[in-house]
Structures are given as C-alpha cells and as structure tokens.
Amino acid sequence: MDSTEIQKLVALEDQHWWYRERRALLGRHLRRLPGAPGTALDIGAAGGGNTRVLRQHRWSPVAVEYCPDGAMAARQRELTTVRGDGRCLPFRSDSADLVVAFDVLEHIDDDERVVAEMRRVLRPGGSALITVPCDMRLWSAHDVAVGHVRRYTRDTLRAVVESGGLRVERLWSWNVLLRPAAAYTRKRSTTSDLCKMHPVVNAALRAVVAAERFLPVWSLPGVSLMARAVRAG
C-alpha cells in the first residue's frame, strides 16, 4: 500500500465502519485465545489501529510496518513500533505468542514466505490471526489502488497458511451481508473506496456488518476471509 493510502487509512480508521468493526472482530477473537496474553506482533500495522486493540486486551504488542508513513503514525500514537518487512521479520525465532496479519498477505507476491516467517517467530503453541480479501470475482480498481496482488478463496488461503508451516484451526467469512453491495460498488469503482462517509451512512453500514456477530453466516461467501492458525511444533 502506498503512502497516500496509508495516510487516508490513518485519518479515517478511528471512525470508518469497516475498520471499527474489524477491530471489534479482533477483540472478540483475542478473548477466545487460550492462555494468558503475552508478546504480540502486528504485521503490516499501518498506523497501529489493531495494535491498540492488542494493548487494550493486555498483550505486549509491537507494530511492525514497512511504510515509513505508517510507522511514524504508529509511533505518534505511542506504540512500540519497528520498521520491518513481513518476508524477513526483524525478531528472534520463537519470540512471540501471537502474530496478527490483517490484510497483509494479498499485498505480497511471496505470501508463503510471510507465513513461514510468522511460524518462525512464533513460539510452539503460538497463534496467528489472519485476514485477507476474498474472491477474484470482486477484483476491481480498488484492489489495484491499494496494491493488492490477489484475492483468496478458502482453499488458497488454507494452502498458503499450511504451506508456510502453520495449522489452520478455523477459517470463516466476514462482511457477508454487504457482499452484494460491495460487488455492485466495485464494478463501478475507479480508485480506492476508502473515503470519508456521511455519518448516517457510516453508522448504517456498521450496523449491518455488526449483525454478523449474531447470525450464522460464516460459511457463506463474503468480502473477506479470516483464519485462526497455530504453530503446532
């Protein structure tokens, strides 16, 4: 993702419906992880929105960001921040209890190498939480603008996670209810769809996606996929 998109993300993420609900999603799954909070690496942290969630849940997080604008924004939020490439993480092997990579793999040609690095830095039994955009039928100018290389299917995400050395414990869809609207919008998009929204529209979209917390829609096609994986040994 280039510096312009990073700057837009940092400016909008605290209020934007998609980022707010994704942070809520992260928080729910942090509470379900076994064991006590420990060291967590937030790979591709941008301005550290998810890193703050990790800290709120008593993890000791490090924001890992390649783009200098994102790393600077994370530091300005008083987050422990390291400039780093997901393909060669600047951390010791077996040093982290959790790795979070939200919307990272789709930006990198060698996505399997990133997963292999995640496995390397995780301690045995450590967990990984991963999100990616799904379904090449949703490919649009938005993907090009934000630097995506691909979108995933359940099979391709599972394959890259397992080829990188992690064991998938659960894999499910997210942003299912708004998939028809996303498909319609993306067909007509000419650039990134990350923009400031009218507060009423923003609230309505968040209410729709938040409804997925209570509905059994995780196996249906969505806009994103999420995986929970573990380093078995």
C-alpha atoms as a PDB file:
ATOM      1  CA  MET A   1       0.000   0.000   0.000  1.00  0.00           C
ATOM      2  CA  ASP A   2       1.480   3.369  -0.976  1.00  0.00           C
ATOM      3  CA  SER A   3       1.924   6.318   1.366  1.00  0.00           C
ATOM      4  CA  THR A   4      -1.203   8.114   0.108  1.00  0.00           C
ATOM      5  CA  GLU A   5      -3.457   5.177   1.011  1.00  0.00           C
ATOM      6  CA  ILE A   6      -1.682   4.754   4.358  1.00  0.00           C
ATOM      7  CA  GLN A   7      -2.328   8.405   5.188  1.00  0.00           C
ATOM      8  CA  LYS A   8      -6.014   8.047   4.235  1.00  0.00           C
ATOM      9  CA  LEU A   9      -6.293   4.946   6.403  1.00  0.00           C
ATOM     10  CA  VAL A  10      -4.734   6.629   9.427  1.00  0.00           C
ATOM     11  CA  ALA A  11      -7.015   9.642   9.053  1.00  0.00           C
ATOM     12  CA  LEU A  12     -10.213   7.615   8.705  1.00  0.00           C
ATOM     13  CA  GLU A  13      -9.809   4.352  10.608  1.00  0.00           C
ATOM     14  CA  ASP A  14     -10.996   5.536  14.019  1.00  0.00           C
ATOM     15  CA  GLN A  15     -14.485   6.293  12.658  1.00  0.00           C
ATOM     16  CA  HIS A  16     -14.800   4.295   9.423  1.00  0.00           C
ATOM     17  CA  TRP A  17     -17.341   1.462   9.789  1.00  0.00           C
ATOM     18  CA  TRP A  18     -15.133  -1.207   8.210  1.00  0.00           C
ATOM     19  CA  TYR A  19     -12.110  -0.581  10.428  1.00  0.00           C
ATOM     20  CA  ARG A  20     -14.191  -0.151  13.575  1.00  0.00           C
ATOM     21  CA  GLU A  21     -15.974  -3.467  13.115  1.00  0.00           C
ATOM     22  CA  ARG A  22     -12.752  -5.208  12.146  1.00  0.00           C
ATOM     23  CA  ARG A  23     -11.182  -4.016  15.410  1.00  0.00           C
ATOM     24  CA  ALA A  24     -14.234  -5.353  17.254  1.00  0.00           C
ATOM     25  CA  LEU A  25     -13.762  -8.653  15.420  1.00  0.00           C
ATOM     26  CA  LEU A  26     -10.130  -8.790  16.536  1.00  0.00           C
ATOM     27  CA  GLY A  27     -11.119  -8.090  20.122  1.00  0.00           C
ATOM     28  CA  ARG A  28     -13.662 -10.910  20.170  1.00  0.00           C
ATOM     29  CA  HIS A  29     -11.144 -13.430  18.903  1.00  0.00           C
ATOM     30  CA  LEU A  30      -8.416 -12.265  21.263  1.00  0.00           C
ATOM     31  CA  ARG A  31     -10.740 -13.119  24.145  1.00  0.00           C
ATOM     32  CA  ARG A  32     -11.133 -16.651  22.755  1.00  0.00           C
ATOM     33  CA  LEU A  33      -7.424 -17.439  22.511  1.00  0.00           C
ATOM     34  CA  PRO A  34      -6.073 -19.918  25.067  1.00  0.00           C
ATOM     35  CA  GLY A  35      -3.585 -18.866  27.695  1.00  0.00           C
ATOM     36  CA  ALA A  36      -2.597 -15.516  29.126  1.00  0.00           C
ATOM     37  CA  PRO A  37      -1.695 -12.546  26.912  1.00  0.00           C
ATOM     38  CA  GLY A  38       1.992 -12.289  26.043  1.00  0.00           C
ATOM     39  CA  THR A  39       4.063 -10.801  23.244  1.00  0.00           C
ATOM     40  CA  ALA A  40       2.180  -9.980  20.039  1.00  0.00           C
ATOM     41  CA  LEU A  41       3.423  -8.786  16.641  1.00  0.00           C
ATOM     42  CA  ASP A  42       1.031  -6.774  14.483  1.00  0.00           C
ATOM     43  CA  ILE A  43       2.458  -7.252  10.978  1.00  0.00           C
ATOM     44  CA  GLY A  44       1.503  -4.601   8.443  1.00  0.00           C
ATOM     45  CA  ALA A  45       0.228  -2.469  11.294  1.00  0.00           C
ATOM     46  CA  ALA A  46      -0.081   0.776   9.286  1.00  0.00           C
ATOM     47  CA  GLY A  47      -0.913   3.416  11.919  1.00  0.00           C
ATOM     48  CA  GLY A  48      -1.430   0.841  14.658  1.00  0.00           C
ATOM     49  CA  GLY A  49      -5.211   0.637  14.901  1.00  0.00           C
ATOM     50  CA  ASN A  50      -5.115  -3.087  15.615  1.00  0.00           C
ATOM     51  CA  THR A  51      -2.005  -2.710  17.769  1.00  0.00           C
ATOM     52  CA  ARG A  52      -4.050  -0.549  20.125  1.00  0.00           C
ATOM     53  CA  VAL A  53      -6.652  -3.327  20.379  1.00  0.00           C
ATOM     54  CA  LEU A  54      -3.921  -5.778  21.344  1.00  0.00           C
ATOM     55  CA  ARG A  55      -2.722  -3.408  24.053  1.00  0.00           C
ATOM     56  CA  GLN A  56      -6.284  -2.915  25.340  1.00  0.00           C
ATOM     57  CA  HIS A  57      -6.524  -6.700  25.768  1.00  0.00           C
ATOM     58  CA  ARG A  58      -3.348  -6.769  27.873  1.00  0.00           C
ATOM     59  CA  TRP A  59      -0.996  -8.055  25.190  1.00  0.00           C
ATOM     60  CA  SER A  60       2.504  -6.582  24.860  1.00  0.00           C
ATOM     61  CA  PRO A  61       2.293  -5.581  21.188  1.00  0.00           C
ATOM     62  CA  VAL A  62       4.775  -4.378  18.605  1.00  0.00           C
ATOM     63  CA  ALA A  63       3.537  -2.592  15.480  1.00  0.00           C
ATOM     64  CA  VAL A  64       5.551  -3.894  12.511  1.00  0.00           C
ATOM     65  CA  GLU A  65       5.194  -1.628   9.478  1.00  0.00           C
ATOM     66  CA  TYR A  66       7.201  -1.362   6.258  1.00  0.00           C
ATOM     67  CA  CYS A  67       5.875   2.029   5.088  1.00  0.00           C
ATOM     68  CA  PRO A  68       7.584   4.975   6.843  1.00  0.00           C
ATOM     69  CA  ASP A  69       4.333   6.998   6.998  1.00  0.00           C
ATOM     70  CA  GLY A  70       2.524   4.185   8.771  1.00  0.00           C
ATOM     71  CA  ALA A  71       5.402   3.564  11.174  1.00  0.00           C
ATOM     72  CA  MET A  72       5.547   7.264  12.018  1.00  0.00           C
ATOM     73  CA  ALA A  73       1.795   7.355  12.704  1.00  0.00           C
ATOM     74  CA  ALA A  74       2.075   4.328  14.998  1.00  0.00           C
ATOM     75  CA  ARG A  75       4.937   5.945  16.925  1.00  0.00           C
ATOM     76  CA  GLN A  76       2.924   9.152  17.265  1.00  0.00           C
ATOM     77  CA  ARG A  77       0.245   7.025  18.925  1.00  0.00           C
ATOM     78  CA  GLU A  78       2.911   5.989  21.453  1.00  0.00           C
ATOM     79  CA  LEU A  79       3.016   2.401  20.242  1.00  0.00           C
ATOM     80  CA  THR A  80       6.163   0.299  20.230  1.00  0.00           C
ATOM     81  CA  THR A  81       6.954   0.289  16.516  1.00  0.00           C
ATOM     82  CA  VAL A  82       9.521  -1.436  14.303  1.00  0.00           C
ATOM     83  CA  ARG A  83      10.082  -0.820  10.606  1.00  0.00           C
ATOM     84  CA  GLY A  84      10.119  -4.273   9.069  1.00  0.00           C
ATOM     85  CA  ASP A  85       9.325  -6.445   6.060  1.00  0.00           C
ATOM     86  CA  GLY A  86       6.957  -9.374   6.597  1.00  0.00           C
ATOM     87  CA  ARG A  87       9.213 -11.549   4.426  1.00  0.00           C
ATOM     88  CA  CYS A  88      12.152 -11.084   6.812  1.00  0.00           C
ATOM     89  CA  LEU A  89      10.863 -10.150  10.249  1.00  0.00           C
ATOM     90  CA  PRO A  90      13.454  -8.459  12.497  1.00  0.00           C
ATOM     91  CA  PHE A  91      12.689 -10.671  15.505  1.00  0.00           C
ATOM     92  CA  ARG A  92      14.246 -13.753  17.066  1.00  0.00           C
ATOM     93  CA  SER A  93      12.796 -17.177  16.371  1.00  0.00           C
ATOM     94  CA  ASP A  94      10.341 -18.479  18.984  1.00  0.00           C
ATOM     95  CA  SER A  95       9.873 -14.987  20.478  1.00  0.00           C
ATOM     96  CA  ALA A  96       6.158 -14.211  20.019  1.00  0.00           C
ATOM     97  CA  ASP A  97       2.975 -15.688  21.467  1.00  0.00           C
ATOM     98  CA  LEU A  98       0.691 -14.174  18.820  1.00  0.00           C
ATOM     99  CA  VAL A  99       1.055 -12.793  15.320  1.00  0.00           C
ATOM    100  CA  VAL A 100      -1.679 -10.685  13.716  1.00  0.00           C
ATOM    101  CA  ALA A 101      -1.600 -10.076   9.944  1.00  0.00           C
ATOM    102  CA  PHE A 102      -4.777  -8.273   8.926  1.00  0.00           C
ATOM    103  CA  ASP A 103      -4.949  -7.639   5.171  1.00  0.00           C
ATOM    104  CA  VAL A 104      -1.246  -8.174   4.575  1.00  0.00           C
ATOM    105  CA  LEU A 105      -0.746 -11.346   2.527  1.00  0.00           C
ATOM    106  CA  GLU A 106      -2.619 -10.035  -0.506  1.00  0.00           C
ATOM    107  CA  HIS A 107      -0.030  -7.261  -0.924  1.00  0.00           C
ATOM    108  CA  ILE A 108       2.990  -9.582  -1.229  1.00  0.00           C
ATOM    109  CA  ASP A 109       3.953 -11.824  -4.152  1.00  0.00           C
ATOM    110  CA  ASP A 110       5.638 -14.408  -1.919  1.00  0.00           C
ATOM    111  CA  ASP A 111       2.839 -14.760   0.618  1.00  0.00           C
ATOM    112  CA  GLU A 112       4.026 -18.213   1.689  1.00  0.00           C
ATOM    113  CA  ARG A 113       7.339 -16.694   2.803  1.00  0.00           C
ATOM    114  CA  VAL A 114       5.462 -14.276   5.058  1.00  0.00           C
ATOM    115  CA  VAL A 115       3.602 -17.167   6.693  1.00  0.00           C
ATOM    116  CA  ALA A 116       6.879 -19.049   7.105  1.00  0.00           C
ATOM    117  CA  GLU A 117       8.303 -16.004   8.905  1.00  0.00           C
ATOM    118  CA  MET A 118       5.220 -15.870  11.107  1.00  0.00           C
ATOM    119  CA  ARG A 119       5.809 -19.502  12.040  1.00  0.00           C
ATOM    120  CA  ARG A 120       9.498 -18.846  12.728  1.00  0.00           C
ATOM    121  CA  VAL A 121       8.882 -16.031  15.212  1.00  0.00           C
ATOM    122  CA  LEU A 122       6.005 -17.804  16.972  1.00  0.00           C
ATOM    123  CA  ARG A 123       6.683 -19.986  19.953  1.00  0.00           C
ATOM    124  CA  PRO A 124       5.363 -23.576  19.714  1.00  0.00           C
ATOM    125  CA  GLY A 125       1.666 -23.342  20.506  1.00  0.00           C
ATOM    126  CA  GLY A 126       1.549 -19.671  19.488  1.00  0.00           C
ATOM    127  CA  SER A 127      -1.394 -18.393  17.459  1.00  0.00           C
ATOM    128  CA  ALA A 128      -1.839 -16.386  14.281  1.00  0.00           C
ATOM    129  CA  LEU A 129      -4.889 -14.346  13.266  1.00  0.00           C
ATOM    130  CA  ILE A 130      -5.014 -13.578   9.543  1.00  0.00           C
ATOM    131  CA  THR A 131      -7.483 -11.719   7.339  1.00  0.00           C
ATOM    132  CA  VAL A 132      -7.439 -11.365   3.551  1.00  0.00           C
ATOM    133  CA  PRO A 133      -9.842 -10.135   0.851  1.00  0.00           C
ATOM    134  CA  CYS A 134     -11.613 -12.982  -0.904  1.00  0.00           C
ATOM    135  CA  ASP A 135     -12.821 -13.960  -4.376  1.00  0.00           C
ATOM    136  CA  MET A 136     -11.228 -12.695  -7.591  1.00  0.00           C
ATOM    137  CA  ARG A 137     -14.745 -12.048  -8.891  1.00  0.00           C
ATOM    138  CA  LEU A 138     -14.666  -8.983  -6.631  1.00  0.00           C
ATOM    139  CA  TRP A 139     -11.394  -7.741  -8.156  1.00  0.00           C
ATOM    140  CA  SER A 140     -11.670  -4.063  -9.067  1.00  0.00           C
ATOM    141  CA  ALA A 141      -9.872  -0.745  -9.357  1.00  0.00           C
ATOM    142  CA  HIS A 142      -9.931  -0.634  -5.550  1.00  0.00           C
ATOM    143  CA  ASP A 143      -7.592  -3.660  -5.395  1.00  0.00           C
ATOM    144  CA  VAL A 144      -5.219  -2.029  -7.853  1.00  0.00           C
ATOM    145  CA  ALA A 145      -5.252   1.302  -5.988  1.00  0.00           C
ATOM    146  CA  VAL A 146      -4.365  -0.268  -2.627  1.00  0.00           C
ATOM    147  CA  GLY A 147      -1.682  -2.554  -4.044  1.00  0.00           C
ATOM    148  CA  HIS A 148      -3.304  -5.970  -3.933  1.00  0.00           C
ATOM    149  CA  VAL A 149      -1.637  -8.823  -5.800  1.00  0.00           C
ATOM    150  CA  ARG A 150      -4.547 -11.260  -5.417  1.00  0.00           C
ATOM    151  CA  ARG A 151      -7.755 -12.104  -3.615  1.00  0.00           C
ATOM    152  CA  TYR A 152      -8.167 -15.517  -1.960  1.00  0.00           C
ATOM    153  CA  THR A 153     -10.521 -18.455  -1.813  1.00  0.00           C
ATOM    154  CA  ARG A 154     -10.863 -20.644   1.263  1.00  0.00           C
ATOM    155  CA  ASP A 155      -8.718 -23.275  -0.439  1.00  0.00           C
ATOM    156  CA  THR A 156      -5.931 -20.908  -1.488  1.00  0.00           C
ATOM    157  CA  LEU A 157      -5.768 -19.245   1.931  1.00  0.00           C
ATOM    158  CA  ARG A 158      -5.660 -22.597   3.696  1.00  0.00           C
ATOM    159  CA  ALA A 159      -2.980 -23.800   1.289  1.00  0.00           C
ATOM    160  CA  VAL A 160      -0.657 -20.843   1.824  1.00  0.00           C
ATOM    161  CA  VAL A 161      -1.073 -20.904   5.606  1.00  0.00           C
ATOM    162  CA  GLU A 162      -0.367 -24.634   5.810  1.00  0.00           C
ATOM    163  CA  SER A 163       2.480 -24.488   3.269  1.00  0.00           C
ATOM    164  CA  GLY A 164       4.061 -21.809   5.453  1.00  0.00           C
ATOM    165  CA  GLY A 165       4.059 -24.229   8.379  1.00  0.00           C
ATOM    166  CA  LEU A 166       1.001 -23.267  10.430  1.00  0.00           C
ATOM    167  CA  ARG A 167      -2.025 -25.418  11.168  1.00  0.00           C
ATOM    168  CA  VAL A 168      -5.404 -23.843  10.406  1.00  0.00           C
ATOM    169  CA  GLU A 169      -7.806 -24.262  13.324  1.00  0.00           C
ATOM    170  CA  ARG A 170     -10.676 -22.255  11.879  1.00  0.00           C
ATOM    171  CA  LEU A 171     -11.385 -20.406   8.641  1.00  0.00           C
ATOM    172  CA  TRP A 172     -14.520 -18.342   8.024  1.00  0.00           C
ATOM    173  CA  SER A 173     -16.061 -15.484   6.049  1.00  0.00           C
ATOM    174  CA  TRP A 174     -16.551 -11.911   7.196  1.00  0.00           C
ATOM    175  CA  ASN A 175     -18.532  -8.999   5.704  1.00  0.00           C
ATOM    176  CA  VAL A 176     -21.064 -11.417   4.226  1.00  0.00           C
ATOM    177  CA  LEU A 177     -24.222  -9.311   4.428  1.00  0.00           C
ATOM    178  CA  LEU A 178     -22.699  -6.436   2.481  1.00  0.00           C
ATOM    179  CA  ARG A 179     -21.171  -8.595  -0.250  1.00  0.00           C
ATOM    180  CA  PRO A 180     -23.899  -7.752  -2.833  1.00  0.00           C
ATOM    181  CA  ALA A 181     -23.405  -4.023  -2.219  1.00  0.00           C
ATOM    182  CA  ALA A 182     -19.624  -4.430  -2.406  1.00  0.00           C
ATOM    183  CA  ALA A 183     -19.866  -6.342  -5.683  1.00  0.00           C
ATOM    184  CA  TYR A 184     -22.105  -3.643  -7.189  1.00  0.00           C
ATOM    185  CA  THR A 185     -19.867  -0.806  -5.998  1.00  0.00           C
ATOM    186  CA  ARG A 186     -16.593  -2.429  -7.017  1.00  0.00           C
ATOM    187  CA  LYS A 187     -17.773  -2.990 -10.598  1.00  0.00           C
ATOM    188  CA  ARG A 188     -18.122   0.776 -10.928  1.00  0.00           C
ATOM    189  CA  SER A 189     -15.094   1.847  -8.917  1.00  0.00           C
ATOM    190  CA  THR A 190     -12.217   3.726 -10.500  1.00  0.00           C
ATOM    191  CA  THR A 191      -9.992   4.045  -7.435  1.00  0.00           C
ATOM    192  CA  SER A 192      -9.758   3.050  -3.768  1.00  0.00           C
ATOM    193  CA  ASP A 193     -13.107   3.040  -1.965  1.00  0.00           C
ATOM    194  CA  LEU A 194     -11.515   4.261   1.267  1.00  0.00           C
ATOM    195  CA  CYS A 195     -13.109   7.662   1.808  1.00  0.00           C
ATOM    196  CA  LYS A 196     -14.905   9.724   4.412  1.00  0.00           C
ATOM    197  CA  MET A 197     -18.608   8.873   4.614  1.00  0.00           C
ATOM    198  CA  HIS A 198     -21.692  10.689   5.777  1.00  0.00           C
ATOM    199  CA  PRO A 199     -22.171   9.758   9.468  1.00  0.00           C
ATOM    200  CA  VAL A 200     -25.617   8.247   8.821  1.00  0.00           C
ATOM    201  CA  VAL A 201     -24.323   6.029   6.005  1.00  0.00           C
ATOM    202  CA  ASN A 202     -21.296   5.078   8.076  1.00  0.00           C
ATOM    203  CA  ALA A 203     -23.494   4.094  11.049  1.00  0.00           C
ATOM    204  CA  ALA A 204     -25.876   2.117   8.850  1.00  0.00           C
ATOM    205  CA  LEU A 205     -23.086   0.110   7.240  1.00  0.00           C
ATOM    206  CA  ARG A 206     -21.534  -0.655  10.599  1.00  0.00           C
ATOM    207  CA  ALA A 207     -24.906  -1.820  11.950  1.00  0.00           C
ATOM    208  CA  VAL A 208     -25.302  -4.233   9.029  1.00  0.00           C
ATOM    209  CA  VAL A 209     -21.855  -5.776   9.336  1.00  0.00           C
ATOM    210  CA  ALA A 210     -22.142  -5.895  13.145  1.00  0.00           C
ATOM    211  CA  ALA A 211     -25.281  -8.014  12.760  1.00  0.00           C
ATOM    212  CA  GLU A 212     -22.999 -10.838  11.620  1.00  0.00           C
ATOM    213  CA  ARG A 213     -21.955 -11.272  15.254  1.00  0.00           C
ATOM    214  CA  PHE A 214     -25.359 -12.847  15.876  1.00  0.00           C
ATOM    215  CA  LEU A 215     -26.101 -14.627  12.584  1.00  0.00           C
ATOM    216  CA  PRO A 216     -24.760 -17.981  11.315  1.00  0.00           C
ATOM    217  CA  VAL A 217     -23.323 -16.562   8.087  1.00  0.00           C
ATOM    218  CA  TRP A 218     -19.643 -17.502   8.478  1.00  0.00           C
ATOM    219  CA  SER A 219     -19.765 -20.288   5.880  1.00  0.00           C
ATOM    220  CA  LEU A 220     -21.353 -18.094   3.185  1.00  0.00           C
ATOM    221  CA  PRO A 221     -19.386 -16.060   0.616  1.00  0.00           C
ATOM    222  CA  GLY A 222     -18.217 -12.721   1.967  1.00  0.00           C
ATOM    223  CA  VAL A 223     -15.849  -9.909   1.095  1.00  0.00           C
ATOM    224  CA  SER A 224     -13.100 -11.081   3.459  1.00  0.00           C
ATOM    225  CA  LEU A 225     -11.796 -14.295   4.965  1.00  0.00           C
ATOM    226  CA  MET A 226     -10.364 -14.757   8.460  1.00  0.00           C
ATOM    227  CA  ALA A 227      -8.223 -17.632   9.690  1.00  0.00           C
ATOM    228  CA  ARG A 228      -7.016 -18.659  13.132  1.00  0.00           C
ATOM    229  CA  ALA A 229      -3.907 -20.804  12.934  1.00  0.00           C
ATOM    230  CA  VAL A 230      -1.368 -22.242  15.357  1.00  0.00           C
ATOM    231  CA  ARG A 231       2.251 -23.275  15.329  1.00  0.00           C
ATOM    232  CA  ALA A 232       1.979 -26.891  16.310  1.00  0.00           C
ATOM    233  CA  GLY A 233       5.659 -27.564  16.937  1.00  0.00           C
END
